[in-house]
C-alpha atoms as a PDB file:
ATOM      1  CA  MET A   1      69.690  57.903 -10.530  1.00  0.00           C
ATOM      2  CA  THR A   2      68.103  54.803  -8.581  1.00  0.00           C
ATOM      3  CA  ASP A   3      69.449  53.459  -5.120  1.00  0.00           C
ATOM      4  CA  LEU A   4      69.536  49.250  -5.118  1.00  0.00           C
ATOM      5  CA  LYS A   5      69.457  48.415  -1.705  1.00  0.00           C
ATOM      6  CA  ILE A   6      69.438  44.941  -0.145  1.00  0.00           C
ATOM      7  CA  ARG A   7      68.517  43.535   3.054  1.00  0.00           C
ATOM      8  CA  GLY A   8      69.205  40.268   4.918  1.00  0.00           C
ATOM      9  CA  LEU A   9      69.593  38.355   1.696  1.00  0.00           C
ATOM     10  CA  ALA A  10      69.875  34.755   2.360  1.00  0.00           C
ATOM     11  CA  LYS A  11      70.088  31.563   0.193  1.00  0.00           C
ATOM     12  CA  ALA A  12      70.818  27.993   0.352  1.00  0.00           C
ATOM     13  CA  TYR A  13      70.757  25.509  -2.634  1.00  0.00           C
ATOM     14  CA  GLY A  14      68.189  22.873  -1.016  1.00  0.00           C
ATOM     15  CA  PRO A  15      67.304  21.784   2.529  1.00  0.00           C
ATOM     16  CA  GLY A  16      70.065  21.439   4.937  1.00  0.00           C
ATOM     17  CA  ALA A  17      72.681  22.775   2.482  1.00  0.00           C
ATOM     18  CA  ALA A  18      75.128  25.260   3.395  1.00  0.00           C
ATOM     19  CA  ALA A  19      74.164  29.072   2.971  1.00  0.00           C
ATOM     20  CA  VAL A  20      75.546  30.507   0.099  1.00  0.00           C
ATOM     21  CA  LEU A  21      74.072  33.955   0.962  1.00  0.00           C
ATOM     22  CA  ASP A  22      74.099  34.539   4.705  1.00  0.00           C
ATOM     23  CA  GLY A  23      72.039  37.966   5.570  1.00  0.00           C
ATOM     24  CA  LEU A  24      73.731  39.769   3.132  1.00  0.00           C
ATOM     25  CA  ASP A  25      73.378  43.741   3.038  1.00  0.00           C
ATOM     26  CA  LEU A  26      74.465  46.023   0.661  1.00  0.00           C
ATOM     27  CA  THR A  27      73.442  49.520  -0.592  1.00  0.00           C
ATOM     28  CA  VAL A  28      74.315  51.077  -3.964  1.00  0.00           C
ATOM     29  CA  PRO A  29      73.577  54.601  -4.394  1.00  0.00           C
ATOM     30  CA  GLY A  30      71.956  55.691  -7.336  1.00  0.00           C
ATOM     31  CA  GLY A  31      74.391  56.556 -10.315  1.00  0.00           C
ATOM     32  CA  THR A  32      77.148  54.547  -8.860  1.00  0.00           C
ATOM     33  CA  LEU A  33      79.176  51.605  -9.807  1.00  0.00           C
ATOM     34  CA  ALA A  34      79.808  49.378  -7.476  1.00  0.00           C
ATOM     35  CA  ALA A  35      82.104  46.082  -7.640  1.00  0.00           C
ATOM     36  CA  VAL A  36      81.235  42.916  -5.883  1.00  0.00           C
ATOM     37  CA  LEU A  37      84.509  41.204  -5.288  1.00  0.00           C
ATOM     38  CA  GLY A  38      85.313  38.033  -3.516  1.00  0.00           C
ATOM     39  CA  PRO A  39      86.943  34.492  -3.927  1.00  0.00           C
ATOM     40  CA  SER A  40      85.376  31.594  -5.814  1.00  0.00           C
ATOM     41  CA  GLY A  41      82.298  30.036  -4.121  1.00  0.00           C
ATOM     42  CA  CYS A  42      81.668  33.709  -1.750  1.00  0.00           C
ATOM     43  CA  GLY A  43      78.179  34.197  -3.193  1.00  0.00           C
ATOM     44  CA  LYS A  44      78.877  36.520  -5.975  1.00  0.00           C
ATOM     45  CA  THR A  45      77.174  34.894  -8.771  1.00  0.00           C
ATOM     46  CA  THR A  46      74.210  33.945  -6.709  1.00  0.00           C
ATOM     47  CA  LEU A  47      73.832  37.315  -5.439  1.00  0.00           C
ATOM     48  CA  LEU A  48      73.764  38.772  -9.245  1.00  0.00           C
ATOM     49  CA  ARG A  49      71.289  35.948 -10.108  1.00  0.00           C
ATOM     50  CA  ILE A  50      68.948  36.888  -7.670  1.00  0.00           C
ATOM     51  CA  ILE A  51      69.168  40.717  -8.357  1.00  0.00           C
ATOM     52  CA  ALA A  52      68.266  39.878 -12.047  1.00  0.00           C
ATOM     53  CA  GLY A  53      65.490  37.542 -10.919  1.00  0.00           C
ATOM     54  CA  PHE A  54      66.644  34.406 -12.311  1.00  0.00           C
ATOM     55  CA  LEU A  55      66.716  33.067  -8.574  1.00  0.00           C
ATOM     56  CA  ARG A  56      64.575  33.306  -5.753  1.00  0.00           C
ATOM     57  CA  ALA A  57      66.081  34.318  -2.466  1.00  0.00           C
ATOM     58  CA  ASP A  58      65.048  32.327   0.729  1.00  0.00           C
ATOM     59  CA  ALA A  59      64.860  35.570   2.476  1.00  0.00           C
ATOM     60  CA  GLY A  60      65.541  39.119   2.618  1.00  0.00           C
ATOM     61  CA  THR A  61      64.558  42.119   0.447  1.00  0.00           C
ATOM     62  CA  ILE A  62      65.843  43.711  -2.605  1.00  0.00           C
ATOM     63  CA  THR A  63      64.589  47.203  -3.539  1.00  0.00           C
ATOM     64  CA  LEU A  64      65.296  49.537  -6.543  1.00  0.00           C
ATOM     65  CA  GLY A  65      63.977  52.983  -6.027  1.00  0.00           C
ATOM     66  CA  GLU A  66      60.794  52.777  -4.659  1.00  0.00           C
ATOM     67  CA  HIS A  67      60.053  49.021  -6.403  1.00  0.00           C
ATOM     68  CA  THR A  68      60.446  46.066  -4.153  1.00  0.00           C
ATOM     69  CA  LEU A  69      62.313  43.220  -6.464  1.00  0.00           C
ATOM     70  CA  CYS A  70      61.803  40.806  -3.877  1.00  0.00           C
ATOM     71  CA  GLY A  71      60.775  40.071  -0.281  1.00  0.00           C
ATOM     72  CA  PRO A  72      58.137  38.067   1.524  1.00  0.00           C
ATOM     73  CA  GLY A  73      55.807  37.180  -0.918  1.00  0.00           C
ATOM     74  CA  VAL A  74      56.985  39.066  -3.636  1.00  0.00           C
ATOM     75  CA  HIS A  75      59.076  37.958  -6.623  1.00  0.00           C
ATOM     76  CA  LEU A  76      59.018  40.455  -9.435  1.00  0.00           C
ATOM     77  CA  PRO A  77      59.651  38.657 -12.819  1.00  0.00           C
ATOM     78  CA  PRO A  78      63.065  39.359 -14.375  1.00  0.00           C
ATOM     79  CA  GLU A  79      61.385  41.382 -17.610  1.00  0.00           C
ATOM     80  CA  ARG A  80      59.534  43.596 -15.129  1.00  0.00           C
ATOM     81  CA  ARG A  81      62.778  44.492 -13.278  1.00  0.00           C
ATOM     82  CA  ARG A  82      64.031  47.202 -15.534  1.00  0.00           C
ATOM     83  CA  ILE A  83      67.375  45.831 -15.456  1.00  0.00           C
ATOM     84  CA  GLY A  84      70.169  45.375 -18.073  1.00  0.00           C
ATOM     85  CA  ILE A  85      72.509  42.636 -17.959  1.00  0.00           C
ATOM     86  CA  VAL A  86      76.001  42.441 -19.572  1.00  0.00           C
ATOM     87  CA  PRO A  87      77.177  38.689 -19.181  1.00  0.00           C
ATOM     88  CA  GLN A  88      80.548  37.119 -19.662  1.00  0.00           C
ATOM     89  CA  GLU A  89      81.917  37.300 -23.336  1.00  0.00           C
ATOM     90  CA  GLY A  90      78.993  39.508 -24.632  1.00  0.00           C
ATOM     91  CA  ALA A  91      76.428  36.640 -25.522  1.00  0.00           C
ATOM     92  CA  LEU A  92      75.369  38.257 -28.503  1.00  0.00           C
ATOM     93  CA  PHE A  93      72.781  36.771 -30.541  1.00  0.00           C
ATOM     94  CA  PRO A  94      74.928  35.234 -33.616  1.00  0.00           C
ATOM     95  CA  HIS A  95      72.266  35.387 -36.140  1.00  0.00           C
ATOM     96  CA  LEU A  96      71.494  39.141 -35.755  1.00  0.00           C
ATOM     97  CA  SER A  97      73.204  41.968 -36.865  1.00  0.00           C
ATOM     98  CA  VAL A  98      74.926  44.525 -34.485  1.00  0.00           C
ATOM     99  CA  ALA A  99      71.989  47.064 -34.727  1.00  0.00           C
ATOM    100  CA  ARG A 100      69.443  44.307 -34.446  1.00  0.00           C
ATOM    101  CA  ASN A 101      71.252  42.887 -31.101  1.00  0.00           C
ATOM    102  CA  VAL A 102      71.232  46.492 -29.786  1.00  0.00           C
ATOM    103  CA  ALA A 103      67.532  46.642 -30.718  1.00  0.00           C
ATOM    104  CA  PHE A 104      66.233  43.197 -29.156  1.00  0.00           C
ATOM    105  CA  GLY A 105      65.018  45.230 -26.127  1.00  0.00           C
ATOM    106  CA  LEU A 106      63.054  48.423 -27.668  1.00  0.00           C
ATOM    107  CA  ALA A 107      60.044  46.188 -28.995  1.00  0.00           C
ATOM    108  CA  GLY A 108      57.648  48.951 -27.639  1.00  0.00           C
ATOM    109  CA  LEU A 109      59.563  51.725 -29.923  1.00  0.00           C
ATOM    110  CA  ASP A 110      58.426  52.355 -33.595  1.00  0.00           C
ATOM    111  CA  ARG A 111      61.018  51.772 -36.247  1.00  0.00           C
ATOM    112  CA  SER A 112      62.053  55.147 -36.461  1.00  0.00           C
ATOM    113  CA  ALA A 113      62.741  55.699 -32.547  1.00  0.00           C
ATOM    114  CA  ARG A 114      64.350  52.267 -32.393  1.00  0.00           C
ATOM    115  CA  ARG A 115      66.688  53.266 -35.285  1.00  0.00           C
ATOM    116  CA  ARG A 116      67.411  56.518 -33.417  1.00  0.00           C
ATOM    117  CA  ARG A 117      67.879  54.654 -30.090  1.00  0.00           C
ATOM    118  CA  VAL A 118      70.155  52.169 -31.742  1.00  0.00           C
ATOM    119  CA  GLY A 119      72.371  55.030 -33.074  1.00  0.00           C
ATOM    120  CA  GLU A 120      72.711  56.881 -29.762  1.00  0.00           C
ATOM    121  CA  MET A 121      73.946  53.419 -28.031  1.00  0.00           C
ATOM    122  CA  LEU A 122      76.525  52.532 -31.078  1.00  0.00           C
ATOM    123  CA  ASP A 123      77.990  56.273 -30.593  1.00  0.00           C
ATOM    124  CA  LEU A 124      77.881  55.987 -27.120  1.00  0.00           C
ATOM    125  CA  VAL A 125      80.308  52.987 -26.946  1.00  0.00           C
ATOM    126  CA  GLY A 126      82.290  53.934 -29.904  1.00  0.00           C
ATOM    127  CA  LEU A 127      81.302  51.938 -32.429  1.00  0.00           C
ATOM    128  CA  ALA A 128      79.058  54.079 -34.651  1.00  0.00           C
ATOM    129  CA  GLY A 129      78.783  52.781 -38.231  1.00  0.00           C
ATOM    130  CA  TYR A 130      78.863  49.407 -37.020  1.00  0.00           C
ATOM    131  CA  GLY A 131      75.298  48.392 -37.160  1.00  0.00           C
ATOM    132  CA  ASP A 132      75.373  46.304 -40.370  1.00  0.00           C
ATOM    133  CA  ARG A 133      77.912  43.931 -39.248  1.00  0.00           C
ATOM    134  CA  MET A 134      77.791  40.465 -37.415  1.00  0.00           C
ATOM    135  CA  PRO A 135      78.776  39.626 -34.305  1.00  0.00           C
ATOM    136  CA  HIS A 136      81.576  37.264 -35.817  1.00  0.00           C
ATOM    137  CA  GLU A 137      82.950  40.230 -37.369  1.00  0.00           C
ATOM    138  CA  LEU A 138      83.988  41.869 -34.410  1.00  0.00           C
ATOM    139  CA  SER A 139      86.697  41.777 -31.742  1.00  0.00           C
ATOM    140  CA  GLY A 140      86.166  40.397 -28.320  1.00  0.00           C
ATOM    141  CA  GLY A 141      86.257  44.036 -26.945  1.00  0.00           C
ATOM    142  CA  GLN A 142      83.997  45.365 -29.392  1.00  0.00           C
ATOM    143  CA  GLN A 143      81.298  42.373 -28.816  1.00  0.00           C
ATOM    144  CA  GLN A 144      81.425  43.264 -25.048  1.00  0.00           C
ATOM    145  CA  ARG A 145      80.703  46.902 -26.089  1.00  0.00           C
ATOM    146  CA  ILE A 146      78.168  45.908 -28.136  1.00  0.00           C
ATOM    147  CA  ALA A 147      76.600  44.012 -25.038  1.00  0.00           C
ATOM    148  CA  LEU A 148      76.843  47.187 -23.034  1.00  0.00           C
ATOM    149  CA  ALA A 149      74.755  48.827 -25.746  1.00  0.00           C
ATOM    150  CA  ARG A 150      72.132  46.432 -25.689  1.00  0.00           C
ATOM    151  CA  ALA A 151      71.741  46.478 -21.924  1.00  0.00           C
ATOM    152  CA  LEU A 152      71.772  50.416 -22.009  1.00  0.00           C
ATOM    153  CA  ALA A 153      69.351  50.805 -24.803  1.00  0.00           C
ATOM    154  CA  PRO A 154      66.107  50.300 -23.056  1.00  0.00           C
ATOM    155  CA  GLN A 155      67.399  52.807 -20.316  1.00  0.00           C
ATOM    156  CA  PRO A 156      67.473  50.359 -17.476  1.00  0.00           C
ATOM    157  CA  GLN A 157      67.471  51.583 -13.848  1.00  0.00           C
ATOM    158  CA  LEU A 158      70.134  49.311 -13.087  1.00  0.00           C
ATOM    159  CA  VAL A 159      73.058  47.452 -15.200  1.00  0.00           C
ATOM    160  CA  LEU A 160      74.297  44.067 -13.964  1.00  0.00           C
ATOM    161  CA  LEU A 161      77.763  42.980 -15.441  1.00  0.00           C
ATOM    162  CA  ASP A 162      78.835  39.794 -14.571  1.00  0.00           C
ATOM    163  CA  GLU A 163      82.780  39.177 -14.937  1.00  0.00           C
ATOM    164  CA  PRO A 164      82.152  40.819 -18.220  1.00  0.00           C
ATOM    165  CA  PHE A 165      86.176  41.109 -18.947  1.00  0.00           C
ATOM    166  CA  ASN A 166      87.322  37.943 -18.454  1.00  0.00           C
ATOM    167  CA  ALA A 167      87.842  36.598 -22.113  1.00  0.00           C
ATOM    168  CA  LEU A 168      89.680  39.460 -23.060  1.00  0.00           C
ATOM    169  CA  ASP A 169      93.502  39.598 -22.936  1.00  0.00           C
ATOM    170  CA  SER A 170      95.399  42.051 -20.386  1.00  0.00           C
ATOM    171  CA  ALA A 171      96.220  44.527 -23.302  1.00  0.00           C
ATOM    172  CA  LEU A 172      92.384  44.842 -24.237  1.00  0.00           C
ATOM    173  CA  ARG A 173      90.799  44.678 -20.940  1.00  0.00           C
ATOM    174  CA  THR A 174      92.144  48.126 -19.643  1.00  0.00           C
ATOM    175  CA  GLY A 175      90.492  49.766 -22.371  1.00  0.00           C
ATOM    176  CA  VAL A 176      87.469  48.174 -22.550  1.00  0.00           C
ATOM    177  CA  ARG A 177      86.896  48.821 -18.876  1.00  0.00           C
ATOM    178  CA  ALA A 178      87.649  52.299 -19.239  1.00  0.00           C
ATOM    179  CA  ASP A 179      85.116  52.602 -22.075  1.00  0.00           C
ATOM    180  CA  VAL A 180      82.477  50.655 -20.280  1.00  0.00           C
ATOM    181  CA  ARG A 181      82.757  53.107 -17.023  1.00  0.00           C
ATOM    182  CA  ALA A 182      82.564  56.154 -19.307  1.00  0.00           C
ATOM    183  CA  ALA A 183      79.302  54.865 -21.039  1.00  0.00           C
ATOM    184  CA  LEU A 184      78.131  53.771 -17.375  1.00  0.00           C
ATOM    185  CA  ARG A 185      78.977  57.389 -16.163  1.00  0.00           C
ATOM    186  CA  ALA A 186      77.212  59.030 -19.503  1.00  0.00           C
ATOM    187  CA  THR A 187      73.942  57.600 -18.612  1.00  0.00           C
ATOM    188  CA  GLY A 188      74.006  57.741 -15.019  1.00  0.00           C
ATOM    189  CA  ALA A 189      72.954  54.262 -14.469  1.00  0.00           C
ATOM    190  CA  THR A 190      73.575  52.608 -11.250  1.00  0.00           C
ATOM    191  CA  ALA A 191      75.632  49.243 -11.781  1.00  0.00           C
ATOM    192  CA  VAL A 192      76.897  46.279 -10.299  1.00  0.00           C
ATOM    193  CA  LEU A 193      79.842  44.376 -11.520  1.00  0.00           C
ATOM    194  CA  VAL A 194      80.754  41.142 -10.262  1.00  0.00           C
ATOM    195  CA  THR A 195      84.393  40.416 -10.562  1.00  0.00           C
ATOM    196  CA  HIS A 196      87.265  38.079  -8.694  1.00  0.00           C
ATOM    197  CA  ASP A 197      89.957  40.572 -10.318  1.00  0.00           C
ATOM    198  CA  GLN A 198      90.884  42.947  -7.417  1.00  0.00           C
ATOM    199  CA  GLN A 199      92.697  45.471 -10.013  1.00  0.00           C
ATOM    200  CA  GLU A 200      89.586  45.593 -11.760  1.00  0.00           C
ATOM    201  CA  ALA A 201      87.473  46.308  -8.866  1.00  0.00           C
ATOM    202  CA  LEU A 202      89.666  48.994  -7.613  1.00  0.00           C
ATOM    203  CA  SER A 203      90.421  50.618 -10.848  1.00  0.00           C
ATOM    204  CA  THR A 204      86.781  50.810 -12.124  1.00  0.00           C
ATOM    205  CA  ALA A 205      84.367  51.106  -9.454  1.00  0.00           C
ATOM    206  CA  ASP A 206      83.072  53.701  -7.245  1.00  0.00           C
ATOM    207  CA  LEU A 207      82.606  51.546  -4.224  1.00  0.00           C
ATOM    208  CA  VAL A 208      83.905  48.041  -3.262  1.00  0.00           C
ATOM    209  CA  ALA A 209      82.209  45.509  -1.600  1.00  0.00           C
ATOM    210  CA  VAL A 210      84.135  42.317  -0.203  1.00  0.00           C
ATOM    211  CA  VAL A 211      82.009  39.593   0.109  1.00  0.00           C
ATOM    212  CA  ARG A 212      83.263  36.524   2.553  1.00  0.00           C
ATOM    213  CA  HIS A 213      81.166  33.426   3.284  1.00  0.00           C
ATOM    214  CA  GLY A 214      78.148  34.954   2.101  1.00  0.00           C
ATOM    215  CA  GLN A 215      78.093  38.473   3.662  1.00  0.00           C
ATOM    216  CA  VAL A 216      79.698  41.743   3.101  1.00  0.00           C
ATOM    217  CA  ALA A 217      82.976  41.907   4.867  1.00  0.00           C
ATOM    218  CA  GLN A 218      83.444  45.559   3.999  1.00  0.00           C
ATOM    219  CA  CYS A 219      82.087  48.275   1.429  1.00  0.00           C
ATOM    220  CA  ALA A 220      83.724  51.452   0.777  1.00  0.00           C
ATOM    221  CA  THR A 221      85.443  53.360  -1.878  1.00  0.00           C
ATOM    222  CA  PRO A 222      88.354  51.472  -3.645  1.00  0.00           C
ATOM    223  CA  GLU A 223      90.869  53.708  -1.685  1.00  0.00           C
ATOM    224  CA  GLU A 224      89.398  53.161   1.531  1.00  0.00           C
ATOM    225  CA  VAL A 225      89.360  49.347   1.124  1.00  0.00           C
ATOM    226  CA  TYR A 226      92.588  49.204   0.370  1.00  0.00           C
ATOM    227  CA  ARG A 227      94.121  51.824   2.446  1.00  0.00           C
ATOM    228  CA  ARG A 228      92.093  50.966   5.761  1.00  0.00           C
ATOM    229  CA  PRO A 229      90.754  47.052   5.067  1.00  0.00           C
ATOM    230  CA  ALA A 230      88.427  46.264   8.031  1.00  0.00           C
ATOM    231  CA  ASP A 231      90.262  43.139   8.935  1.00  0.00           C
ATOM    232  CA  PRO A 232      93.611  41.293   7.960  1.00  0.00           C
ATOM    233  CA  TRP A 233      91.258  38.811   5.622  1.00  0.00           C
ATOM    234  CA  VAL A 234      90.470  41.790   3.741  1.00  0.00           C
ATOM    235  CA  ALA A 235      93.711  43.316   3.548  1.00  0.00           C
ATOM    236  CA  GLY A 236      95.471  39.906   1.967  1.00  0.00           C
ATOM    237  CA  PHE A 237      92.618  39.269  -0.235  1.00  0.00           C
ATOM    238  CA  VAL A 238      92.663  42.999  -1.606  1.00  0.00           C
ATOM    239  CA  GLY A 239      96.389  43.554  -2.999  1.00  0.00           C
ATOM    240  CA  ASP A 240      99.488  42.414  -1.091  1.00  0.00           C
ATOM    241  CA  ALA A 241      99.733  43.056   2.382  1.00  0.00           C
ATOM    242  CA  VAL A 242     102.356  43.234   5.285  1.00  0.00           C
ATOM    243  CA  VAL A 243     100.739  42.047   8.647  1.00  0.00           C
ATOM    244  CA  VAL A 244     103.373  42.115  11.639  1.00  0.00           C
ATOM    245  CA  ALA A 245     102.322  42.006  15.226  1.00  0.00           C
ATOM    246  CA  GLY A 246     102.427  45.063  17.175  1.00  0.00           C
ATOM    247  CA  THR A 247     101.313  46.619  20.426  1.00  0.00           C
ATOM    248  CA  ALA A 248      99.203  49.792  19.908  1.00  0.00           C
ATOM    249  CA  ASP A 249      98.945  52.810  22.187  1.00  0.00           C
ATOM    250  CA  GLN A 250      96.731  55.602  20.950  1.00  0.00           C
ATOM    251  CA  ALA A 251      97.816  56.279  17.456  1.00  0.00           C
ATOM    252  CA  VAL A 252     101.201  54.516  17.316  1.00  0.00           C
ATOM    253  CA  ALA A 253     102.180  50.956  17.320  1.00  0.00           C
ATOM    254  CA  GLU A 254     105.739  49.303  18.363  1.00  0.00           C
ATOM    255  CA  THR A 255     106.473  46.541  16.052  1.00  0.00           C
ATOM    256  CA  PRO A 256     109.408  44.509  14.583  1.00  0.00           C
ATOM    257  CA  LEU A 257     109.358  46.947  11.680  1.00  0.00           C
ATOM    258  CA  GLY A 258     109.730  50.258  14.284  1.00  0.00           C
ATOM    259  CA  ARG A 259     107.162  52.762  15.530  1.00  0.00           C
ATOM    260  CA  VAL A 260     104.311  53.165  13.169  1.00  0.00           C
ATOM    261  CA  PRO A 261     101.660  55.590  13.102  1.00  0.00           C
ATOM    262  CA  LEU A 262      98.028  54.099  12.978  1.00  0.00           C
ATOM    263  CA  ALA A 263      95.080  55.558  10.959  1.00  0.00           C
ATOM    264  CA  ASN A 264      93.051  54.253  13.633  1.00  0.00           C
ATOM    265  CA  ALA A 265      93.463  54.942  17.248  1.00  0.00           C
ATOM    266  CA  ALA A 266      93.780  52.321  19.294  1.00  0.00           C
ATOM    267  CA  GLY A 267      92.796  53.808  23.057  1.00  0.00           C
ATOM    268  CA  GLY A 268      95.003  52.098  25.595  1.00  0.00           C
ATOM    269  CA  LEU A 269      97.668  49.771  25.502  1.00  0.00           C
ATOM    270  CA  ARG A 270      96.669  46.885  23.417  1.00  0.00           C
ATOM    271  CA  GLU A 271      97.943  43.850  21.538  1.00  0.00           C
ATOM    272  CA  GLY A 272      97.290  43.179  17.852  1.00  0.00           C
ATOM    273  CA  LEU A 273      97.992  42.876  14.463  1.00  0.00           C
ATOM    274  CA  VAL A 274      99.261  45.944  12.373  1.00  0.00           C
ATOM    275  CA  LEU A 275      98.178  46.157   8.506  1.00  0.00           C
ATOM    276  CA  LEU A 276     100.594  47.928   5.802  1.00  0.00           C
ATOM    277  CA  ARG A 277     100.870  47.801   2.038  1.00  0.00           C
ATOM    278  CA  PRO A 278     104.418  46.507   0.377  1.00  0.00           C
ATOM    279  CA  GLU A 279     104.693  50.287  -1.059  1.00  0.00           C
ATOM    280  CA  GLN A 280     104.633  51.859   2.438  1.00  0.00           C
ATOM    281  CA  LEU A 281     107.993  50.020   3.263  1.00  0.00           C
ATOM    282  CA  ARG A 282     111.128  51.817   1.972  1.00  0.00           C
ATOM    283  CA  LEU A 283     114.635  50.272   1.431  1.00  0.00           C
ATOM    284  CA  THR A 284     117.109  52.451   3.254  1.00  0.00           C
ATOM    285  CA  ASP A 285     120.703  52.699   4.473  1.00  0.00           C
ATOM    286  CA  PRO A 286     121.003  50.546   7.402  1.00  0.00           C
ATOM    287  CA  ALA A 287     122.659  53.262   9.546  1.00  0.00           C
ATOM    288  CA  SER A 288     119.294  55.529   9.447  1.00  0.00           C
ATOM    289  CA  ALA A 289     116.660  52.606   9.310  1.00  0.00           C
ATOM    290  CA  GLN A 290     114.153  51.544  11.332  1.00  0.00           C
ATOM    291  CA  ALA A 291     114.592  47.795  11.048  1.00  0.00           C
ATOM    292  CA  LEU A 292     117.581  45.645   9.563  1.00  0.00           C
ATOM    293  CA  GLY A 293     117.234  42.689   7.366  1.00  0.00           C
ATOM    294  CA  THR A 294     118.209  40.478   4.532  1.00  0.00           C
ATOM    295  CA  VAL A 295     117.205  40.454   1.007  1.00  0.00           C
ATOM    296  CA  ARG A 296     116.055  36.964   0.271  1.00  0.00           C
ATOM    297  CA  GLU A 297     114.311  37.292  -3.323  1.00  0.00           C
ATOM    298  CA  VAL A 298     113.861  39.887  -5.770  1.00  0.00           C
ATOM    299  CA  ARG A 299     110.903  39.484  -8.424  1.00  0.00           C
ATOM    300  CA  PHE A 300     110.655  42.453 -11.366  1.00  0.00           C
ATOM    301  CA  TYR A 301     107.391  43.223 -12.977  1.00  0.00           C
ATOM    302  CA  GLY A 302     108.787  45.862 -15.286  1.00  0.00           C
ATOM    303  CA  HIS A 303     107.170  48.729 -13.757  1.00  0.00           C
ATOM    304  CA  ASP A 304     107.881  47.965 -10.252  1.00  0.00           C
ATOM    305  CA  ALA A 305     109.774  45.106  -8.360  1.00  0.00           C
ATOM    306  CA  MET A 306     108.973  43.113  -5.153  1.00  0.00           C
ATOM    307  CA  VAL A 307     111.670  42.726  -2.758  1.00  0.00           C
ATOM    308  CA  THR A 308     111.297  40.026  -0.168  1.00  0.00           C
ATOM    309  CA  VAL A 309     113.365  40.632   2.979  1.00  0.00           C
ATOM    310  CA  ALA A 310     113.903  38.571   6.098  1.00  0.00           C
ATOM    311  CA  ILE A 311     113.945  41.059   9.136  1.00  0.00           C
ATOM    312  CA  ASP A 312     116.071  40.593  12.225  1.00  0.00           C
ATOM    313  CA  GLY A 313     114.217  39.127  14.910  1.00  0.00           C
ATOM    314  CA  MET A 314     111.095  38.392  12.665  1.00  0.00           C
ATOM    315  CA  THR A 315     110.007  35.112  11.648  1.00  0.00           C
ATOM    316  CA  ASP A 316     108.213  35.772   8.466  1.00  0.00           C
ATOM    317  CA  PRO A 317     109.885  38.076   6.032  1.00  0.00           C
ATOM    318  CA  VAL A 318     108.035  41.099   4.466  1.00  0.00           C
ATOM    319  CA  ASP A 319     107.380  42.224   0.856  1.00  0.00           C
ATOM    320  CA  VAL A 320     109.036  45.646  -0.051  1.00  0.00           C
ATOM    321  CA  ARG A 321     107.466  47.300  -3.302  1.00  0.00           C
ATOM    322  CA  VAL A 322     109.976  49.600  -5.143  1.00  0.00           C
ATOM    323  CA  PRO A 323     109.586  51.250  -8.724  1.00  0.00           C
ATOM    324  CA  GLY A 324     111.364  49.929 -11.494  1.00  0.00           C
ATOM    325  CA  ALA A 325     114.287  47.624 -10.792  1.00  0.00           C
ATOM    326  CA  ALA A 326     115.544  46.641  -7.364  1.00  0.00           C
ATOM    327  CA  PRO A 327     118.724  48.321  -6.022  1.00  0.00           C
ATOM    328  CA  LEU A 328     119.503  45.219  -4.163  1.00  0.00           C
ATOM    329  CA  ASN A 329     120.419  41.532  -5.165  1.00  0.00           C
ATOM    330  CA  PRO A 330     119.624  38.393  -2.593  1.00  0.00           C
ATOM    331  CA  GLY A 331     121.728  38.305   0.047  1.00  0.00           C
ATOM    332  CA  SER A 332     122.381  41.921   0.421  1.00  0.00           C
ATOM    333  CA  ARG A 333     121.910  43.700   4.111  1.00  0.00           C
ATOM    334  CA  THR A 334     119.432  46.840   3.958  1.00  0.00           C
ATOM    335  CA  GLY A 335     117.527  48.861   6.484  1.00  0.00           C
ATOM    336  CA  LEU A 336     113.944  49.490   6.359  1.00  0.00           C
ATOM    337  CA  THR A 337     111.429  52.207   7.280  1.00  0.00           C
ATOM    338  CA  VAL A 338     107.993  52.900   7.234  1.00  0.00           C
ATOM    339  CA  ALA A 339     106.246  55.574   5.271  1.00  0.00           C
ATOM    340  CA  GLY A 340     102.599  56.711   6.191  1.00  0.00           C
ATOM    341  CA  GLU A 341     100.252  55.013   8.480  1.00  0.00           C
ATOM    342  CA  ALA A 342      99.161  51.594   9.177  1.00  0.00           C
ATOM    343  CA  THR A 343      95.695  50.232  10.300  1.00  0.00           C
ATOM    344  CA  PHE A 344      95.482  48.300  13.584  1.00  0.00           C
ATOM    345  CA  HIS A 345      93.485  45.524  14.486  1.00  0.00           C
ATOM    346  CA  PRO A 346      93.513  44.348  18.203  1.00  0.00           C
ATOM    347  CA  GLY A 347      93.243  40.621  18.873  1.00  0.00           C
ATOM    348  CA  PRO A 348      95.809  37.410  19.385  1.00  0.00           C
ATOM    349  CA  VAL A 349      98.771  37.362  17.197  1.00  0.00           C
END
């Protein structure tokens, strides 16, 4: 298990151009799957290409275990980095069989050792017996599993996954993600998954690094990023957020939704923003509520529904996530209560 450490990574495409990466720092402990999550243009793909060695960084260092991949005066060629890559849509060699695709990076082994290693990898990804097939005979999900087997076959120290599930339909994506995660865990490989899909990052990774303007805005476990976002932008980008103004005193904030306990003590009396998730709000009888409002809209998603409520005394409505079908219709009066703790961020509201 090998740690990946990135320090002060910077990259701009041309003199005078805006920085795509601007002093980015990131540590991925050995054996960990880290998801790099962010909006289009934030630098995710540039980061992946620099780690792989396809691009040169303008500044900063990348180390993989005890080896420096790039730094001042150092740029290790891609083929010497011991990095496996799973690109978008698999990118298998169409003229090679499944077995020969998996064996592509095993040139240093004799024939029997290559055959044995290919068999191990196909078994690992659940496709034993598929070695003689051609890529066009496989489904999209099977092609992605073969691409992973090809990346893992040379026993790389690091695996890079570049939005590998984009081309799959939603029903297939969940199963393939689970298979990929299980295969990575089985080999103990350190891995970096680049994605713009928040659900994918939260459900698949051990660590989530949220990138904004070429820097890591927050890096933590999926639960920490979701429940304790570093700032309002992270809260709004990673899932749905309820943001209200509040006055905090120690571990409680006064808000239009009532008194809300805080996960992070605010110290003395301070104004700022209180961050909650829609599932922390509960529709309740107005007689026992912390706040009152009127239902504006109901959106049904099958497993749950989102109810938009205009709170008395507030300009902007809030969203409430309820399991199954919503119990109210637009125009209904309702009460609201808050469950759990909020995150408080001092500053202008």
